[in-house]
């Protein structure tokens, strides 16, 4: 599957957000922070590794992805 250009996650419905490919770059709002979408928990919580202020980004992203896929 190919990634799309960065887009605003707030413009999507819950079911559309559930279909986002993990690793896709998103923003929260038109001028919001940029991050990588990592998945959606069964209860609907969106898991995103926000790029803003992340010192250990790779480690943080890895831990959040594990959280996103855990049941």
PDB file of N, CA and C in Angstrom:
ATOM      1  N   UNK A   1       0.824  -1.171   0.000  1.00  0.00           N
ATOM      2  CA  UNK A   1       0.000   0.000   0.000  1.00  0.00           C
ATOM      3  C   UNK A   1       0.879   1.249   0.000  1.00  0.00           C
ATOM      4  N   UNK A   2       0.511   2.229  -0.749  1.00  0.00           N
ATOM      5  CA  UNK A   2       1.274   3.467  -0.812  1.00  0.00           C
ATOM      6  C   UNK A   2       0.763   4.451   0.231  1.00  0.00           C
ATOM      7  N   UNK A   3       1.699   5.222   0.752  1.00  0.00           N
ATOM      8  CA  UNK A   3       1.321   6.280   1.677  1.00  0.00           C
ATOM      9  C   UNK A   3       0.814   7.478   0.890  1.00  0.00           C
ATOM     10  N   UNK A   4      -0.042   8.268   1.527  1.00  0.00           N
ATOM     11  CA  UNK A   4      -0.582   9.483   0.920  1.00  0.00           C
ATOM     12  C   UNK A   4       0.206  10.673   1.453  1.00  0.00           C
ATOM     13  N   UNK A   5       0.003  11.820   0.856  1.00  0.00           N
ATOM     14  CA  UNK A   5       0.593  13.047   1.388  1.00  0.00           C
ATOM     15  C   UNK A   5       0.003  13.288   2.779  1.00  0.00           C
ATOM     16  N   UNK A   6       0.725  13.995   3.616  1.00  0.00           N
ATOM     17  CA  UNK A   6       0.253  14.309   4.963  1.00  0.00           C
ATOM     18  C   UNK A   6      -1.129  14.953   4.900  1.00  0.00           C
ATOM     19  N   UNK A   7      -2.050  14.484   5.749  1.00  0.00           N
ATOM     20  CA  UNK A   7      -3.404  15.039   5.747  1.00  0.00           C
ATOM     21  C   UNK A   7      -3.883  15.255   7.179  1.00  0.00           C
ATOM     22  N   UNK A   8      -4.954  16.024   7.312  1.00  0.00           N
ATOM     23  CA  UNK A   8      -5.537  16.393   8.597  1.00  0.00           C
ATOM     24  C   UNK A   8      -6.472  15.287   9.079  1.00  0.00           C
ATOM     25  N   UNK A   9      -6.124  14.649  10.180  1.00  0.00           N
ATOM     26  CA  UNK A   9      -6.929  13.538  10.713  1.00  0.00           C
ATOM     27  C   UNK A   9      -8.287  14.012  11.218  1.00  0.00           C
ATOM     28  N   UNK A  10      -8.398  15.274  11.599  1.00  0.00           N
ATOM     29  CA  UNK A  10      -9.664  15.792  12.108  1.00  0.00           C
ATOM     30  C   UNK A  10     -10.734  15.852  11.029  1.00  0.00           C
ATOM     31  N   UNK A  11     -10.364  15.758   9.772  1.00  0.00           N
ATOM     32  CA  UNK A  11     -11.326  15.817   8.677  1.00  0.00           C
ATOM     33  C   UNK A  11     -11.959  14.455   8.377  1.00  0.00           C
ATOM     34  N   UNK A  12     -11.523  13.405   9.077  1.00  0.00           N
ATOM     35  CA  UNK A  12     -11.988  12.044   8.799  1.00  0.00           C
ATOM     36  C   UNK A  12     -12.986  11.560   9.850  1.00  0.00           C
ATOM     37  N   UNK A  13     -13.832  10.632   9.439  1.00  0.00           N
ATOM     38  CA  UNK A  13     -14.748   9.991  10.379  1.00  0.00           C
ATOM     39  C   UNK A  13     -13.979   8.909  11.148  1.00  0.00           C
ATOM     40  N   UNK A  14     -14.604   8.379  12.180  1.00  0.00           N
ATOM     41  CA  UNK A  14     -13.967   7.334  12.980  1.00  0.00           C
ATOM     42  C   UNK A  14     -13.620   6.108  12.132  1.00  0.00           C
ATOM     43  N   UNK A  15     -14.526   5.702  11.264  1.00  0.00           N
ATOM     44  CA  UNK A  15     -14.266   4.524  10.424  1.00  0.00           C
ATOM     45  C   UNK A  15     -13.163   4.805   9.396  1.00  0.00           C
ATOM     46  N   UNK A  16     -13.096   6.022   8.890  1.00  0.00           N
ATOM     47  CA  UNK A  16     -12.018   6.388   7.958  1.00  0.00           C
ATOM     48  C   UNK A  16     -10.668   6.390   8.674  1.00  0.00           C
ATOM     49  N   UNK A  17     -10.643   6.857   9.924  1.00  0.00           N
ATOM     50  CA  UNK A  17      -9.393   6.857  10.694  1.00  0.00           C
ATOM     51  C   UNK A  17      -8.925   5.430  10.959  1.00  0.00           C
ATOM     52  N   UNK A  18      -9.856   4.514  11.169  1.00  0.00           N
ATOM     53  CA  UNK A  18      -9.502   3.115  11.426  1.00  0.00           C
ATOM     54  C   UNK A  18      -8.821   2.479  10.213  1.00  0.00           C
ATOM     55  N   UNK A  19      -9.066   3.013   9.031  1.00  0.00           N
ATOM     56  CA  UNK A  19      -8.497   2.451   7.800  1.00  0.00           C
ATOM     57  C   UNK A  19      -7.148   3.067   7.424  1.00  0.00           C
ATOM     58  N   UNK A  20      -6.657   4.022   8.209  1.00  0.00           N
ATOM     59  CA  UNK A  20      -5.370   4.643   7.886  1.00  0.00           C
ATOM     60  C   UNK A  20      -4.258   3.625   8.072  1.00  0.00           C
ATOM     61  N   UNK A  21      -3.339   3.603   7.141  1.00  0.00           N
ATOM     62  CA  UNK A  21      -2.203   2.700   7.197  1.00  0.00           C
ATOM     63  C   UNK A  21      -1.238   3.144   8.300  1.00  0.00           C
ATOM     64  N   UNK A  22      -0.833   2.241   9.209  1.00  0.00           N
ATOM     65  CA  UNK A  22       0.155   2.614  10.224  1.00  0.00           C
ATOM     66  C   UNK A  22       1.433   3.131   9.560  1.00  0.00           C
ATOM     67  N   UNK A  23       1.950   4.221  10.111  1.00  0.00           N
ATOM     68  CA  UNK A  23       3.137   4.849   9.550  1.00  0.00           C
ATOM     69  C   UNK A  23       2.811   6.077   8.712  1.00  0.00           C
ATOM     70  N   UNK A  24       1.534   6.280   8.407  1.00  0.00           N
ATOM     71  CA  UNK A  24       1.095   7.429   7.602  1.00  0.00           C
ATOM     72  C   UNK A  24       1.321   8.724   8.388  1.00  0.00           C
ATOM     73  N   UNK A  25       1.885   9.750   7.750  1.00  0.00           N
ATOM     74  CA  UNK A  25       2.056  11.051   8.384  1.00  0.00           C
ATOM     75  C   UNK A  25       0.736  11.792   8.354  1.00  0.00           C
ATOM     76  N   UNK A  26       0.383  12.369   9.515  1.00  0.00           N
ATOM     77  CA  UNK A  26      -0.873  13.118   9.653  1.00  0.00           C
ATOM     78  C   UNK A  26      -0.614  14.424  10.397  1.00  0.00           C
ATOM     79  N   UNK A  27      -1.615  15.290  10.388  1.00  0.00           N
ATOM     80  CA  UNK A  27      -1.600  16.470  11.237  1.00  0.00           C
ATOM     81  C   UNK A  27      -2.897  16.466  12.043  1.00  0.00           C
ATOM     82  N   UNK A  28      -2.906  17.241  13.126  1.00  0.00           N
ATOM     83  CA  UNK A  28      -4.114  17.400  13.935  1.00  0.00           C
ATOM     84  C   UNK A  28      -4.573  18.836  13.760  1.00  0.00           C
ATOM     85  N   UNK A  29      -5.439  19.051  12.802  1.00  0.00           N
ATOM     86  CA  UNK A  29      -5.872  20.401  12.473  1.00  0.00           C
ATOM     87  C   UNK A  29      -5.067  20.937  11.298  1.00  0.00           C
ATOM     88  N   UNK A  30      -5.551  22.004  10.675  1.00  0.00           N
ATOM     89  CA  UNK A  30      -4.894  22.530   9.483  1.00  0.00           C
ATOM     90  C   UNK A  30      -3.450  22.976   9.712  1.00  0.00           C
ATOM     91  N   UNK A  31      -3.165  23.550  10.860  1.00  0.00           N
ATOM     92  CA  UNK A  31      -1.803  23.989  11.179  1.00  0.00           C
ATOM     93  C   UNK A  31      -1.273  23.252  12.406  1.00  0.00           C
ATOM     94  N   UNK A  32      -1.851  22.091  12.676  1.00  0.00           N
ATOM     95  CA  UNK A  32      -1.519  21.338  13.883  1.00  0.00           C
ATOM     96  C   UNK A  32      -0.186  20.612  13.797  1.00  0.00           C
ATOM     97  N   UNK A  33       0.167  19.939  14.882  1.00  0.00           N
ATOM     98  CA  UNK A  33       1.421  19.191  14.913  1.00  0.00           C
ATOM     99  C   UNK A  33       1.390  18.025  13.935  1.00  0.00           C
ATOM    100  N   UNK A  34       2.563  17.588  13.537  1.00  0.00           N
ATOM    101  CA  UNK A  34       2.715  16.490  12.583  1.00  0.00           C
ATOM    102  C   UNK A  34       3.141  15.248  13.348  1.00  0.00           C
ATOM    103  N   UNK A  35       2.594  14.102  12.957  1.00  0.00           N
ATOM    104  CA  UNK A  35       2.964  12.853  13.612  1.00  0.00           C
ATOM    105  C   UNK A  35       2.678  11.669  12.719  1.00  0.00           C
ATOM    106  N   UNK A  36       3.096  10.496  13.186  1.00  0.00           N
ATOM    107  CA  UNK A  36       2.848   9.259  12.454  1.00  0.00           C
ATOM    108  C   UNK A  36       1.710   8.502  13.119  1.00  0.00           C
ATOM    109  N   UNK A  37       0.723   8.151  12.315  1.00  0.00           N
ATOM    110  CA  UNK A  37      -0.414   7.377  12.783  1.00  0.00           C
ATOM    111  C   UNK A  37       0.064   5.953  13.027  1.00  0.00           C
ATOM    112  N   UNK A  38      -0.255   5.398  14.212  1.00  0.00           N
ATOM    113  CA  UNK A  38       0.218   4.064  14.556  1.00  0.00           C
ATOM    114  C   UNK A  38      -0.897   3.048  14.725  1.00  0.00           C
ATOM    115  N   UNK A  39      -2.133   3.490  14.704  1.00  0.00           N
ATOM    116  CA  UNK A  39      -3.241   2.545  14.800  1.00  0.00           C
ATOM    117  C   UNK A  39      -4.371   3.076  15.650  1.00  0.00           C
ATOM    118  N   UNK A  40      -5.423   2.248  15.760  1.00  0.00           N
ATOM    119  CA  UNK A  40      -6.593   2.599  16.546  1.00  0.00           C
ATOM    120  C   UNK A  40      -6.905   1.426  17.467  1.00  0.00           C
ATOM    121  N   UNK A  41      -7.032   1.704  18.762  1.00  0.00           N
ATOM    122  CA  UNK A  41      -7.381   0.678  19.740  1.00  0.00           C
ATOM    123  C   UNK A  41      -8.838   0.251  19.500  1.00  0.00           C
ATOM    124  N   UNK A  42      -9.241  -0.941  19.966  1.00  0.00           N
ATOM    125  CA  UNK A  42     -10.625  -1.395  19.789  1.00  0.00           C
ATOM    126  C   UNK A  42     -11.671  -0.433  20.362  1.00  0.00           C
ATOM    127  N   UNK A  43     -11.294   0.341  21.390  1.00  0.00           N
ATOM    128  CA  UNK A  43     -12.244   1.289  21.972  1.00  0.00           C
ATOM    129  C   UNK A  43     -12.258   2.624  21.229  1.00  0.00           C
ATOM    130  N   UNK A  44     -11.501   2.738  20.131  1.00  0.00           N
ATOM    131  CA  UNK A  44     -11.518   3.934  19.298  1.00  0.00           C
ATOM    132  C   UNK A  44     -10.421   4.940  19.573  1.00  0.00           C
ATOM    133  N   UNK A  45      -9.544   4.683  20.545  1.00  0.00           N
ATOM    134  CA  UNK A  45      -8.452   5.605  20.840  1.00  0.00           C
ATOM    135  C   UNK A  45      -7.457   5.577  19.698  1.00  0.00           C
ATOM    136  N   UNK A  46      -7.120   6.772  19.194  1.00  0.00           N
ATOM    137  CA  UNK A  46      -6.131   6.898  18.115  1.00  0.00           C
ATOM    138  C   UNK A  46      -4.741   6.954  18.741  1.00  0.00           C
ATOM    139  N   UNK A  47      -3.794   6.196  18.184  1.00  0.00           N
ATOM    140  CA  UNK A  47      -2.426   6.202  18.690  1.00  0.00           C
ATOM    141  C   UNK A  47      -1.545   6.864  17.632  1.00  0.00           C
ATOM    142  N   UNK A  48      -0.916   7.977  18.035  1.00  0.00           N
ATOM    143  CA  UNK A  48      -0.088   8.756  17.117  1.00  0.00           C
ATOM    144  C   UNK A  48       1.211   9.119  17.816  1.00  0.00           C
ATOM    145  N   UNK A  49       2.336   8.978  17.136  1.00  0.00           N
ATOM    146  CA  UNK A  49       3.625   9.429  17.643  1.00  0.00           C
ATOM    147  C   UNK A  49       3.846  10.835  17.095  1.00  0.00           C
ATOM    148  N   UNK A  50       3.605  11.836  17.948  1.00  0.00           N
ATOM    149  CA  UNK A  50       3.751  13.222  17.522  1.00  0.00           C
ATOM    150  C   UNK A  50       5.219  13.578  17.446  1.00  0.00           C
ATOM    151  N   UNK A  51       5.596  14.241  16.393  1.00  0.00           N
ATOM    152  CA  UNK A  51       6.988  14.589  16.139  1.00  0.00           C
ATOM    153  C   UNK A  51       7.462  15.754  17.008  1.00  0.00           C
ATOM    154  N   UNK A  52       6.555  16.608  17.434  1.00  0.00           N
ATOM    155  CA  UNK A  52       6.898  17.787  18.222  1.00  0.00           C
ATOM    156  C   UNK A  52       7.529  17.398  19.560  1.00  0.00           C
ATOM    157  N   UNK A  53       8.731  17.859  19.801  1.00  0.00           N
ATOM    158  CA  UNK A  53       9.378  17.685  21.100  1.00  0.00           C
ATOM    159  C   UNK A  53       9.761  16.265  21.470  1.00  0.00           C
ATOM    160  N   UNK A  54       9.869  15.367  20.528  1.00  0.00           N
ATOM    161  CA  UNK A  54      10.228  13.979  20.831  1.00  0.00           C
ATOM    162  C   UNK A  54      11.736  13.793  20.700  1.00  0.00           C
ATOM    163  N   UNK A  55      12.416  13.642  21.850  1.00  0.00           N
ATOM    164  CA  UNK A  55      13.868  13.470  21.825  1.00  0.00           C
ATOM    165  C   UNK A  55      14.253  12.087  21.318  1.00  0.00           C
ATOM    166  N   UNK A  56      13.642  11.069  21.853  1.00  0.00           N
ATOM    167  CA  UNK A  56      13.932   9.689  21.456  1.00  0.00           C
ATOM    168  C   UNK A  56      12.797   9.184  20.569  1.00  0.00           C
ATOM    169  N   UNK A  57      12.623   9.803  19.412  1.00  0.00           N
ATOM    170  CA  UNK A  57      11.466   9.543  18.561  1.00  0.00           C
ATOM    171  C   UNK A  57      11.325   8.065  18.174  1.00  0.00           C
ATOM    172  N   UNK A  58      12.392   7.424  17.758  1.00  0.00           N
ATOM    173  CA  UNK A  58      12.298   6.029  17.313  1.00  0.00           C
ATOM    174  C   UNK A  58      11.838   5.116  18.448  1.00  0.00           C
ATOM    175  N   UNK A  59      12.380   5.289  19.642  1.00  0.00           N
ATOM    176  CA  UNK A  59      11.978   4.464  20.782  1.00  0.00           C
ATOM    177  C   UNK A  59      10.530   4.737  21.169  1.00  0.00           C
ATOM    178  N   UNK A  60      10.156   6.001  21.163  1.00  0.00           N
ATOM    179  CA  UNK A  60       8.789   6.387  21.503  1.00  0.00           C
ATOM    180  C   UNK A  60       7.812   5.789  20.489  1.00  0.00           C
ATOM    181  N   UNK A  61       8.147   5.887  19.204  1.00  0.00           N
ATOM    182  CA  UNK A  61       7.288   5.356  18.150  1.00  0.00           C
ATOM    183  C   UNK A  61       7.119   3.848  18.301  1.00  0.00           C
ATOM    184  N   UNK A  62       8.202   3.134  18.564  1.00  0.00           N
ATOM    185  CA  UNK A  62       8.164   1.681  18.717  1.00  0.00           C
ATOM    186  C   UNK A  62       7.241   1.290  19.886  1.00  0.00           C
ATOM    187  N   UNK A  63       7.387   1.958  21.026  1.00  0.00           N
ATOM    188  CA  UNK A  63       6.561   1.651  22.195  1.00  0.00           C
ATOM    189  C   UNK A  63       5.087   1.954  21.926  1.00  0.00           C
ATOM    190  N   UNK A  64       4.807   3.071  21.257  1.00  0.00           N
ATOM    191  CA  UNK A  64       3.417   3.417  20.951  1.00  0.00           C
ATOM    192  C   UNK A  64       2.802   2.450  19.950  1.00  0.00           C
ATOM    193  N   UNK A  65       3.576   1.962  19.005  1.00  0.00           N
ATOM    194  CA  UNK A  65       3.049   0.985  18.043  1.00  0.00           C
ATOM    195  C   UNK A  65       2.680  -0.300  18.755  1.00  0.00           C
ATOM    196  N   UNK A  66       3.514  -0.740  19.691  1.00  0.00           N
ATOM    197  CA  UNK A  66       3.192  -1.942  20.460  1.00  0.00           C
ATOM    198  C   UNK A  66       1.897  -1.739  21.250  1.00  0.00           C
ATOM    199  N   UNK A  67       1.719  -0.544  21.805  1.00  0.00           N
ATOM    200  CA  UNK A  67       0.493  -0.226  22.518  1.00  0.00           C
ATOM    201  C   UNK A  67      -0.718  -0.256  21.569  1.00  0.00           C
ATOM    202  N   UNK A  68      -0.539   0.259  20.367  1.00  0.00           N
ATOM    203  CA  UNK A  68      -1.642   0.329  19.397  1.00  0.00           C
ATOM    204  C   UNK A  68      -2.127  -1.055  18.985  1.00  0.00           C
ATOM    205  N   UNK A  69      -1.224  -2.004  18.858  1.00  0.00           N
ATOM    206  CA  UNK A  69      -1.626  -3.331  18.373  1.00  0.00           C
ATOM    207  C   UNK A  69      -1.991  -4.289  19.512  1.00  0.00           C
ATOM    208  N   UNK A  70      -1.677  -3.939  20.755  1.00  0.00           N
ATOM    209  CA  UNK A  70      -2.035  -4.788  21.894  1.00  0.00           C
ATOM    210  C   UNK A  70      -3.550  -4.795  22.086  1.00  0.00           C
ATOM    211  N   UNK A  71      -4.104  -5.896  22.412  1.00  0.00           N
ATOM    212  CA  UNK A  71      -5.558  -6.016  22.609  1.00  0.00           C
ATOM    213  C   UNK A  71      -5.930  -5.707  24.006  1.00  0.00           C
TER     214      UNK A  71
END
